PDB file of all heavy atoms in Angstrom:
ATOM      1  N   PRO A   1     -19.339 -38.249 -55.221  1.00  0.00           N
ATOM      2  CA  PRO A   1     -18.722 -37.585 -56.379  1.00  0.00           C
ATOM      3  C   PRO A   1     -17.214 -37.802 -56.421  1.00  0.00           C
ATOM      4  O   PRO A   1     -16.547 -37.816 -55.391  1.00  0.00           O
ATOM      5  CB  PRO A   1     -19.058 -36.110 -56.182  1.00  0.00           C
ATOM      6  CG  PRO A   1     -19.745 -35.981 -54.887  1.00  0.00           C
ATOM      7  CD  PRO A   1     -19.954 -37.335 -54.304  1.00  0.00           C
ATOM      8  N   GLU A   2     -16.711 -37.967 -57.623  1.00  0.00           N
ATOM      9  CA  GLU A   2     -15.286 -38.192 -57.805  1.00  0.00           C
ATOM     10  C   GLU A   2     -14.499 -36.972 -57.349  1.00  0.00           C
ATOM     11  O   GLU A   2     -14.846 -35.833 -57.651  1.00  0.00           O
ATOM     12  CB  GLU A   2     -14.995 -38.466 -59.279  1.00  0.00           C
ATOM     13  CG  GLU A   2     -13.553 -38.794 -59.544  1.00  0.00           C
ATOM     14  CD  GLU A   2     -13.322 -39.177 -60.998  1.00  0.00           C
ATOM     15  OE1 GLU A   2     -14.202 -38.929 -61.846  1.00  0.00           O
ATOM     16  OE2 GLU A   2     -12.241 -39.705 -61.272  1.00  0.00           O
ATOM     17  N   GLY A   3     -13.451 -37.211 -56.590  1.00  0.00           N
ATOM     18  CA  GLY A   3     -12.584 -36.140 -56.132  1.00  0.00           C
ATOM     19  C   GLY A   3     -13.190 -35.225 -55.094  1.00  0.00           C
ATOM     20  O   GLY A   3     -12.688 -34.129 -54.859  1.00  0.00           O
ATOM     21  N   ALA A   4     -14.274 -35.657 -54.442  1.00  0.00           N
ATOM     22  CA  ALA A   4     -14.912 -34.803 -53.436  1.00  0.00           C
ATOM     23  C   ALA A   4     -13.973 -34.578 -52.263  1.00  0.00           C
ATOM     24  O   ALA A   4     -13.966 -33.518 -51.669  1.00  0.00           O
ATOM     25  CB  ALA A   4     -16.218 -35.418 -52.958  1.00  0.00           C
ATOM     26  N   GLY A   5     -13.176 -35.575 -51.934  1.00  0.00           N
ATOM     27  CA  GLY A   5     -12.173 -35.415 -50.888  1.00  0.00           C
ATOM     28  C   GLY A   5     -12.745 -35.382 -49.499  1.00  0.00           C
ATOM     29  O   GLY A   5     -13.948 -35.357 -49.290  1.00  0.00           O
ATOM     30  N   PRO A   6     -11.855 -35.373 -48.532  1.00  0.00           N
ATOM     31  CA  PRO A   6     -12.257 -35.484 -47.140  1.00  0.00           C
ATOM     32  C   PRO A   6     -13.022 -34.294 -46.587  1.00  0.00           C
ATOM     33  O   PRO A   6     -13.770 -34.446 -45.650  1.00  0.00           O
ATOM     34  CB  PRO A   6     -10.940 -35.630 -46.387  1.00  0.00           C
ATOM     35  CG  PRO A   6      -9.895 -35.849 -47.394  1.00  0.00           C
ATOM     36  CD  PRO A   6     -10.432 -35.451 -48.720  1.00  0.00           C
ATOM     37  N   GLY A   7     -12.870 -33.109 -47.148  1.00  0.00           N
ATOM     38  CA  GLY A   7     -13.505 -31.950 -46.540  1.00  0.00           C
ATOM     39  C   GLY A   7     -14.878 -31.598 -47.085  1.00  0.00           C
ATOM     40  O   GLY A   7     -15.479 -30.642 -46.653  1.00  0.00           O
ATOM     41  N   SER A   8     -15.385 -32.354 -48.028  1.00  0.00           N
ATOM     42  CA  SER A   8     -16.623 -31.937 -48.685  1.00  0.00           C
ATOM     43  C   SER A   8     -17.862 -32.421 -47.968  1.00  0.00           C
ATOM     44  O   SER A   8     -18.083 -33.603 -47.835  1.00  0.00           O
ATOM     45  CB  SER A   8     -16.640 -32.464 -50.113  1.00  0.00           C
ATOM     46  OG  SER A   8     -16.730 -33.857 -50.083  1.00  0.00           O
ATOM     47  N   GLY A   9     -18.662 -31.486 -47.514  1.00  0.00           N
ATOM     48  CA  GLY A   9     -19.977 -31.813 -47.007  1.00  0.00           C
ATOM     49  C   GLY A   9     -20.045 -32.580 -45.707  1.00  0.00           C
ATOM     50  O   GLY A   9     -21.088 -33.088 -45.354  1.00  0.00           O
ATOM     51  N   HIS A  10     -18.969 -32.693 -44.991  1.00  0.00           N
ATOM     52  CA  HIS A  10     -19.002 -33.461 -43.757  1.00  0.00           C
ATOM     53  C   HIS A  10     -19.273 -32.542 -42.579  1.00  0.00           C
ATOM     54  O   HIS A  10     -18.760 -31.444 -42.502  1.00  0.00           O
ATOM     55  CB  HIS A  10     -17.688 -34.207 -43.534  1.00  0.00           C
ATOM     56  CG  HIS A  10     -17.369 -35.138 -44.652  1.00  0.00           C
ATOM     57  ND1 HIS A  10     -18.214 -36.140 -45.033  1.00  0.00           N
ATOM     58  CD2 HIS A  10     -16.324 -35.194 -45.491  1.00  0.00           C
ATOM     59  CE1 HIS A  10     -17.682 -36.789 -46.040  1.00  0.00           C
ATOM     60  NE2 HIS A  10     -16.541 -36.221 -46.344  1.00  0.00           N
ATOM     61  N   ALA A  11     -20.048 -33.047 -41.664  1.00  0.00           N
ATOM     62  CA  ALA A  11     -20.420 -32.261 -40.494  1.00  0.00           C
ATOM     63  C   ALA A  11     -19.538 -32.616 -39.302  1.00  0.00           C
ATOM     64  O   ALA A  11     -19.957 -32.515 -38.169  1.00  0.00           O
ATOM     65  CB  ALA A  11     -21.882 -32.522 -40.159  1.00  0.00           C
ATOM     66  N   LEU A  12     -18.338 -33.057 -39.561  1.00  0.00           N
ATOM     67  CA  LEU A  12     -17.444 -33.419 -38.471  1.00  0.00           C
ATOM     68  C   LEU A  12     -16.724 -32.175 -37.973  1.00  0.00           C
ATOM     69  O   LEU A  12     -16.240 -31.373 -38.752  1.00  0.00           O
ATOM     70  CB  LEU A  12     -16.430 -34.466 -38.943  1.00  0.00           C
ATOM     71  CG  LEU A  12     -17.030 -35.802 -39.358  1.00  0.00           C
ATOM     72  CD1 LEU A  12     -15.943 -36.712 -39.891  1.00  0.00           C
ATOM     73  CD2 LEU A  12     -17.754 -36.457 -38.210  1.00  0.00           C
ATOM     74  N   LYS A  13     -16.673 -32.049 -36.667  1.00  0.00           N
ATOM     75  CA  LYS A  13     -16.027 -30.874 -36.093  1.00  0.00           C
ATOM     76  C   LYS A  13     -14.517 -31.027 -36.055  1.00  0.00           C
ATOM     77  O   LYS A  13     -13.783 -30.071 -36.152  1.00  0.00           O
ATOM     78  CB  LYS A  13     -16.555 -30.646 -34.674  1.00  0.00           C
ATOM     79  CG  LYS A  13     -17.995 -30.177 -34.658  1.00  0.00           C
ATOM     80  CD  LYS A  13     -18.474 -29.952 -33.262  1.00  0.00           C
ATOM     81  CE  LYS A  13     -19.940 -29.550 -33.292  1.00  0.00           C
ATOM     82  NZ  LYS A  13     -20.529 -29.472 -31.986  1.00  0.00           N
ATOM     83  N   THR A  14     -14.040 -32.258 -35.863  1.00  0.00           N
ATOM     84  CA  THR A  14     -12.606 -32.449 -35.724  1.00  0.00           C
ATOM     85  C   THR A  14     -11.981 -32.734 -37.083  1.00  0.00           C
ATOM     86  O   THR A  14     -12.492 -33.541 -37.853  1.00  0.00           O
ATOM     87  CB  THR A  14     -12.302 -33.616 -34.761  1.00  0.00           C
ATOM     88  OG1 THR A  14     -12.912 -34.790 -35.272  1.00  0.00           O
ATOM     89  CG2 THR A  14     -12.847 -33.334 -33.368  1.00  0.00           C
ATOM     90  N   LEU A  15     -10.891 -32.077 -37.356  1.00  0.00           N
ATOM     91  CA  LEU A  15     -10.222 -32.239 -38.634  1.00  0.00           C
ATOM     92  C   LEU A  15      -9.669 -33.641 -38.819  1.00  0.00           C
ATOM     93  O   LEU A  15      -9.606 -34.138 -39.935  1.00  0.00           O
ATOM     94  CB  LEU A  15      -9.093 -31.215 -38.764  1.00  0.00           C
ATOM     95  CG  LEU A  15      -9.538 -29.768 -38.938  1.00  0.00           C
ATOM     96  CD1 LEU A  15      -8.331 -28.847 -38.946  1.00  0.00           C
ATOM     97  CD2 LEU A  15     -10.328 -29.604 -40.222  1.00  0.00           C
ATOM     98  N   GLU A  16      -9.281 -34.306 -37.714  1.00  0.00           N
ATOM     99  CA  GLU A  16      -8.710 -35.645 -37.855  1.00  0.00           C
ATOM    100  C   GLU A  16      -9.740 -36.683 -38.292  1.00  0.00           C
ATOM    101  O   GLU A  16      -9.391 -37.714 -38.838  1.00  0.00           O
ATOM    102  CB  GLU A  16      -8.000 -36.111 -36.582  1.00  0.00           C
ATOM    103  CG  GLU A  16      -8.865 -36.171 -35.337  1.00  0.00           C
ATOM    104  CD  GLU A  16      -8.873 -34.865 -34.542  1.00  0.00           C
ATOM    105  OE1 GLU A  16      -8.296 -33.873 -34.991  1.00  0.00           O
ATOM    106  OE2 GLU A  16      -9.473 -34.878 -33.473  1.00  0.00           O
ATOM    107  N   ASP A  17     -11.036 -36.432 -38.085  1.00  0.00           N
ATOM    108  CA  ASP A  17     -12.065 -37.374 -38.520  1.00  0.00           C
ATOM    109  C   ASP A  17     -12.402 -37.214 -40.002  1.00  0.00           C
ATOM    110  O   ASP A  17     -12.857 -38.160 -40.634  1.00  0.00           O
ATOM    111  CB  ASP A  17     -13.358 -37.181 -37.709  1.00  0.00           C
ATOM    112  CG  ASP A  17     -13.225 -37.677 -36.284  1.00  0.00           C
ATOM    113  OD1 ASP A  17     -12.319 -38.500 -36.027  1.00  0.00           O
ATOM    114  OD2 ASP A  17     -14.007 -37.234 -35.431  1.00  0.00           O
ATOM    115  N   ARG A  18     -12.207 -36.067 -40.566  1.00  0.00           N
ATOM    116  CA  ARG A  18     -12.576 -35.822 -41.963  1.00  0.00           C
ATOM    117  C   ARG A  18     -11.828 -36.708 -42.946  1.00  0.00           C
ATOM    118  O   ARG A  18     -12.445 -37.254 -43.858  1.00  0.00           O
ATOM    119  CB  ARG A  18     -12.397 -34.350 -42.309  1.00  0.00           C
ATOM    120  CG  ARG A  18     -13.417 -33.490 -41.634  1.00  0.00           C
ATOM    121  CD  ARG A  18     -13.263 -32.052 -41.991  1.00  0.00           C
ATOM    122  NE  ARG A  18     -14.202 -31.279 -41.197  1.00  0.00           N
ATOM    123  CZ  ARG A  18     -14.319 -29.991 -41.265  1.00  0.00           C
ATOM    124  NH1 ARG A  18     -13.553 -29.303 -42.103  1.00  0.00           N
ATOM    125  NH2 ARG A  18     -15.180 -29.347 -40.519  1.00  0.00           N
ATOM    126  N   PRO A  19     -10.520 -36.890 -42.805  1.00  0.00           N
ATOM    127  CA  PRO A  19      -9.829 -37.772 -43.762  1.00  0.00           C
ATOM    128  C   PRO A  19     -10.344 -39.207 -43.704  1.00  0.00           C
ATOM    129  O   PRO A  19     -10.392 -39.885 -44.726  1.00  0.00           O
ATOM    130  CB  PRO A  19      -8.368 -37.695 -43.341  1.00  0.00           C
ATOM    131  CG  PRO A  19      -8.241 -36.397 -42.629  1.00  0.00           C
ATOM    132  CD  PRO A  19      -9.564 -36.192 -41.946  1.00  0.00           C
ATOM    133  N   LEU A  20     -10.747 -39.695 -42.546  1.00  0.00           N
ATOM    134  CA  LEU A  20     -11.256 -41.060 -42.445  1.00  0.00           C
ATOM    135  C   LEU A  20     -12.526 -41.240 -43.263  1.00  0.00           C
ATOM    136  O   LEU A  20     -12.701 -42.240 -43.960  1.00  0.00           O
ATOM    137  CB  LEU A  20     -11.530 -41.425 -40.981  1.00  0.00           C
ATOM    138  CG  LEU A  20     -10.319 -41.491 -40.065  1.00  0.00           C
ATOM    139  CD1 LEU A  20     -10.738 -41.740 -38.624  1.00  0.00           C
ATOM    140  CD2 LEU A  20      -9.353 -42.556 -40.536  1.00  0.00           C
ATOM    141  N   VAL A  21     -13.419 -40.271 -43.193  1.00  0.00           N
ATOM    142  CA  VAL A  21     -14.650 -40.338 -43.977  1.00  0.00           C
ATOM    143  C   VAL A  21     -14.319 -40.234 -45.460  1.00  0.00           C
ATOM    144  O   VAL A  21     -14.859 -40.978 -46.286  1.00  0.00           O
ATOM    145  CB  VAL A  21     -15.643 -39.243 -43.547  1.00  0.00           C
ATOM    146  CG1 VAL A  21     -16.848 -39.209 -44.464  1.00  0.00           C
ATOM    147  CG2 VAL A  21     -16.086 -39.459 -42.109  1.00  0.00           C
ATOM    148  N   GLY A  22     -13.417 -39.334 -45.819  1.00  0.00           N
ATOM    149  CA  GLY A  22     -13.027 -39.189 -47.217  1.00  0.00           C
ATOM    150  C   GLY A  22     -12.409 -40.457 -47.777  1.00  0.00           C
ATOM    151  O   GLY A  22     -12.706 -40.855 -48.904  1.00  0.00           O
ATOM    152  N   VAL A  23     -11.573 -41.118 -46.992  1.00  0.00           N
ATOM    153  CA  VAL A  23     -10.960 -42.371 -47.432  1.00  0.00           C
ATOM    154  C   VAL A  23     -12.030 -43.443 -47.612  1.00  0.00           C
ATOM    155  O   VAL A  23     -12.029 -44.186 -48.603  1.00  0.00           O
ATOM    156  CB  VAL A  23      -9.881 -42.835 -46.424  1.00  0.00           C
ATOM    157  CG1 VAL A  23      -9.465 -44.274 -46.673  1.00  0.00           C
ATOM    158  CG2 VAL A  23      -8.678 -41.909 -46.499  1.00  0.00           C
ATOM    159  N   ALA A  24     -12.965 -43.526 -46.679  1.00  0.00           N
ATOM    160  CA  ALA A  24     -14.049 -44.512 -46.788  1.00  0.00           C
ATOM    161  C   ALA A  24     -14.887 -44.253 -48.040  1.00  0.00           C
ATOM    162  O   ALA A  24     -15.257 -45.187 -48.758  1.00  0.00           O
ATOM    163  CB  ALA A  24     -14.927 -44.474 -45.538  1.00  0.00           C
ATOM    164  N   GLU A  25     -15.178 -42.992 -48.313  1.00  0.00           N
ATOM    165  CA  GLU A  25     -15.944 -42.647 -49.517  1.00  0.00           C
ATOM    166  C   GLU A  25     -15.202 -43.049 -50.779  1.00  0.00           C
ATOM    167  O   GLU A  25     -15.784 -43.638 -51.692  1.00  0.00           O
ATOM    168  CB  GLU A  25     -16.234 -41.146 -49.554  1.00  0.00           C
ATOM    169  CG  GLU A  25     -17.245 -40.697 -48.550  1.00  0.00           C
ATOM    170  CD  GLU A  25     -17.431 -39.190 -48.535  1.00  0.00           C
ATOM    171  OE1 GLU A  25     -16.474 -38.462 -48.903  1.00  0.00           O
ATOM    172  OE2 GLU A  25     -18.512 -38.751 -48.153  1.00  0.00           O
ATOM    173  N   GLU A  26     -13.908 -42.733 -50.830  1.00  0.00           N
ATOM    174  CA  GLU A  26     -13.113 -43.054 -52.019  1.00  0.00           C
ATOM    175  C   GLU A  26     -12.999 -44.560 -52.215  1.00  0.00           C
ATOM    176  O   GLU A  26     -13.099 -45.058 -53.342  1.00  0.00           O
ATOM    177  CB  GLU A  26     -11.728 -42.416 -51.915  1.00  0.00           C
ATOM    178  CG  GLU A  26     -11.764 -40.912 -52.062  1.00  0.00           C
ATOM    179  CD  GLU A  26     -10.433 -40.249 -51.730  1.00  0.00           C
ATOM    180  OE1 GLU A  26      -9.395 -40.947 -51.739  1.00  0.00           O
ATOM    181  OE2 GLU A  26     -10.447 -39.042 -51.456  1.00  0.00           O
ATOM    182  N   GLN A  27     -12.798 -45.312 -51.121  1.00  0.00           N
ATOM    183  CA  GLN A  27     -12.692 -46.768 -51.234  1.00  0.00           C
ATOM    184  C   GLN A  27     -14.009 -47.381 -51.711  1.00  0.00           C
ATOM    185  O   GLN A  27     -14.004 -48.281 -52.548  1.00  0.00           O
ATOM    186  CB  GLN A  27     -12.274 -47.385 -49.906  1.00  0.00           C
ATOM    187  CG  GLN A  27     -10.830 -47.143 -49.572  1.00  0.00           C
ATOM    188  CD  GLN A  27     -10.440 -47.712 -48.217  1.00  0.00           C
ATOM    189  OE1 GLN A  27     -11.278 -48.045 -47.385  1.00  0.00           O
ATOM    190  NE2 GLN A  27      -9.145 -47.817 -47.996  1.00  0.00           N
ATOM    191  N   PHE A  28     -15.117 -46.897 -51.186  1.00  0.00           N
ATOM    192  CA  PHE A  28     -16.410 -47.415 -51.617  1.00  0.00           C
ATOM    193  C   PHE A  28     -16.618 -47.133 -53.097  1.00  0.00           C
ATOM    194  O   PHE A  28     -17.025 -48.009 -53.866  1.00  0.00           O
ATOM    195  CB  PHE A  28     -17.550 -46.806 -50.782  1.00  0.00           C
ATOM    196  CG  PHE A  28     -18.904 -47.337 -51.146  1.00  0.00           C
ATOM    197  CD1 PHE A  28     -19.358 -48.539 -50.620  1.00  0.00           C
ATOM    198  CD2 PHE A  28     -19.723 -46.643 -52.026  1.00  0.00           C
ATOM    199  CE1 PHE A  28     -20.593 -49.039 -50.969  1.00  0.00           C
ATOM    200  CE2 PHE A  28     -20.972 -47.145 -52.377  1.00  0.00           C
ATOM    201  CZ  PHE A  28     -21.401 -48.351 -51.849  1.00  0.00           C
ATOM    202  N   ARG A  29     -16.323 -45.903 -53.494  1.00  0.00           N
ATOM    203  CA  ARG A  29     -16.493 -45.525 -54.906  1.00  0.00           C
ATOM    204  C   ARG A  29     -15.639 -46.406 -55.811  1.00  0.00           C
ATOM    205  O   ARG A  29     -16.120 -46.912 -56.825  1.00  0.00           O
ATOM    206  CB  ARG A  29     -16.132 -44.053 -55.091  1.00  0.00           C
ATOM    207  CG  ARG A  29     -16.265 -43.579 -56.520  1.00  0.00           C
ATOM    208  CD  ARG A  29     -15.961 -42.097 -56.676  1.00  0.00           C
ATOM    209  NE  ARG A  29     -15.913 -41.738 -58.069  1.00  0.00           N
ATOM    210  CZ  ARG A  29     -16.974 -41.524 -58.832  1.00  0.00           C
ATOM    211  NH1 ARG A  29     -18.186 -41.617 -58.327  1.00  0.00           N
ATOM    212  NH2 ARG A  29     -16.850 -41.207 -60.105  1.00  0.00           N
ATOM    213  N   GLU A  30     -14.378 -46.614 -55.446  1.00  0.00           N
ATOM    214  CA  GLU A  30     -13.488 -47.437 -56.261  1.00  0.00           C
ATOM    215  C   GLU A  30     -13.966 -48.886 -56.329  1.00  0.00           C
ATOM    216  O   GLU A  30     -13.888 -49.524 -57.381  1.00  0.00           O
ATOM    217  CB  GLU A  30     -12.054 -47.372 -55.721  1.00  0.00           C
ATOM    218  CG  GLU A  30     -11.401 -46.023 -55.903  1.00  0.00           C
ATOM    219  CD  GLU A  30     -11.361 -45.566 -57.363  1.00  0.00           C
ATOM    220  OE1 GLU A  30     -11.044 -46.389 -58.251  1.00  0.00           O
ATOM    221  OE2 GLU A  30     -11.672 -44.390 -57.621  1.00  0.00           O
ATOM    222  N   GLN A  31     -14.477 -49.394 -55.230  1.00  0.00           N
ATOM    223  CA  GLN A  31     -14.975 -50.765 -55.203  1.00  0.00           C
ATOM    224  C   GLN A  31     -16.172 -50.924 -56.149  1.00  0.00           C
ATOM    225  O   GLN A  31     -16.243 -51.877 -56.930  1.00  0.00           O
ATOM    226  CB  GLN A  31     -15.367 -51.145 -53.770  1.00  0.00           C
ATOM    227  CG  GLN A  31     -15.633 -52.604 -53.563  1.00  0.00           C
ATOM    228  CD  GLN A  31     -15.895 -52.937 -52.097  1.00  0.00           C
ATOM    229  OE1 GLN A  31     -16.101 -52.064 -51.255  1.00  0.00           O
ATOM    230  NE2 GLN A  31     -15.885 -54.212 -51.791  1.00  0.00           N
ATOM    231  N   VAL A  32     -17.112 -49.990 -56.103  1.00  0.00           N
ATOM    232  CA  VAL A  32     -18.283 -50.059 -56.983  1.00  0.00           C
ATOM    233  C   VAL A  32     -17.872 -49.853 -58.443  1.00  0.00           C
ATOM    234  O   VAL A  32     -18.355 -50.555 -59.333  1.00  0.00           O
ATOM    235  CB  VAL A  32     -19.365 -49.045 -56.559  1.00  0.00           C
ATOM    236  CG1 VAL A  32     -20.499 -48.990 -57.574  1.00  0.00           C
ATOM    237  CG2 VAL A  32     -19.912 -49.400 -55.179  1.00  0.00           C
ATOM    238  N   LEU A  33     -16.966 -48.915 -58.699  1.00  0.00           N
ATOM    239  CA  LEU A  33     -16.499 -48.713 -60.078  1.00  0.00           C
ATOM    240  C   LEU A  33     -15.832 -49.967 -60.626  1.00  0.00           C
ATOM    241  O   LEU A  33     -15.993 -50.303 -61.804  1.00  0.00           O
ATOM    242  CB  LEU A  33     -15.545 -47.523 -60.152  1.00  0.00           C
ATOM    243  CG  LEU A  33     -16.190 -46.141 -60.058  1.00  0.00           C
ATOM    244  CD1 LEU A  33     -15.113 -45.051 -59.991  1.00  0.00           C
ATOM    245  CD2 LEU A  33     -17.142 -45.895 -61.212  1.00  0.00           C
ATOM    246  N   GLY A  34     -15.083 -50.679 -59.780  1.00  0.00           N
ATOM    247  CA  GLY A  34     -14.462 -51.933 -60.204  1.00  0.00           C
ATOM    248  C   GLY A  34     -15.499 -52.969 -60.597  1.00  0.00           C
ATOM    249  O   GLY A  34     -15.345 -53.678 -61.603  1.00  0.00           O
ATOM    250  N   ILE A  35     -16.576 -53.056 -59.829  1.00  0.00           N
ATOM    251  CA  ILE A  35     -17.652 -54.000 -60.149  1.00  0.00           C
ATOM    252  C   ILE A  35     -18.349 -53.588 -61.444  1.00  0.00           C
ATOM    253  O   ILE A  35     -18.634 -54.417 -62.307  1.00  0.00           O
ATOM    254  CB  ILE A  35     -18.662 -54.080 -58.989  1.00  0.00           C
ATOM    255  CG1 ILE A  35     -18.009 -54.736 -57.787  1.00  0.00           C
ATOM    256  CG2 ILE A  35     -19.912 -54.844 -59.401  1.00  0.00           C
ATOM    257  CD1 ILE A  35     -18.815 -54.623 -56.507  1.00  0.00           C
ATOM    258  N   LEU A  36     -18.616 -52.288 -61.577  1.00  0.00           N
ATOM    259  CA  LEU A  36     -19.291 -51.808 -62.785  1.00  0.00           C
ATOM    260  C   LEU A  36     -18.430 -52.013 -64.026  1.00  0.00           C
ATOM    261  O   LEU A  36     -18.938 -52.322 -65.102  1.00  0.00           O
ATOM    262  CB  LEU A  36     -19.659 -50.329 -62.642  1.00  0.00           C
ATOM    263  CG  LEU A  36     -20.730 -49.993 -61.611  1.00  0.00           C
ATOM    264  CD1 LEU A  36     -20.899 -48.479 -61.496  1.00  0.00           C
ATOM    265  CD2 LEU A  36     -22.055 -50.650 -61.948  1.00  0.00           C
ATOM    266  N   GLY A  37     -17.115 -51.849 -63.873  1.00  0.00           N
ATOM    267  CA  GLY A  37     -16.212 -51.978 -65.018  1.00  0.00           C
ATOM    268  C   GLY A  37     -15.976 -53.411 -65.439  1.00  0.00           C
ATOM    269  O   GLY A  37     -15.928 -53.721 -66.634  1.00  0.00           O
ATOM    270  N   SER A  38     -15.844 -54.307 -64.470  1.00  0.00           N
ATOM    271  CA  SER A  38     -15.490 -55.683 -64.812  1.00  0.00           C
ATOM    272  C   SER A  38     -16.663 -56.652 -64.706  1.00  0.00           C
ATOM    273  O   SER A  38     -16.625 -57.734 -65.275  1.00  0.00           O
ATOM    274  CB  SER A  38     -14.373 -56.173 -63.883  1.00  0.00           C
ATOM    275  OG  SER A  38     -14.874 -56.334 -62.559  1.00  0.00           O
TER     276      SER A  38
END
């Protein structure tokens, strides 16, 4: 989901791991949206 961010729905205990998952999610979403758009 758009704007879900690093803290949504992740079962990670450490706060430093959450942003990494959020960044990966956002990058994947942007990559697919780019393919769908162009």
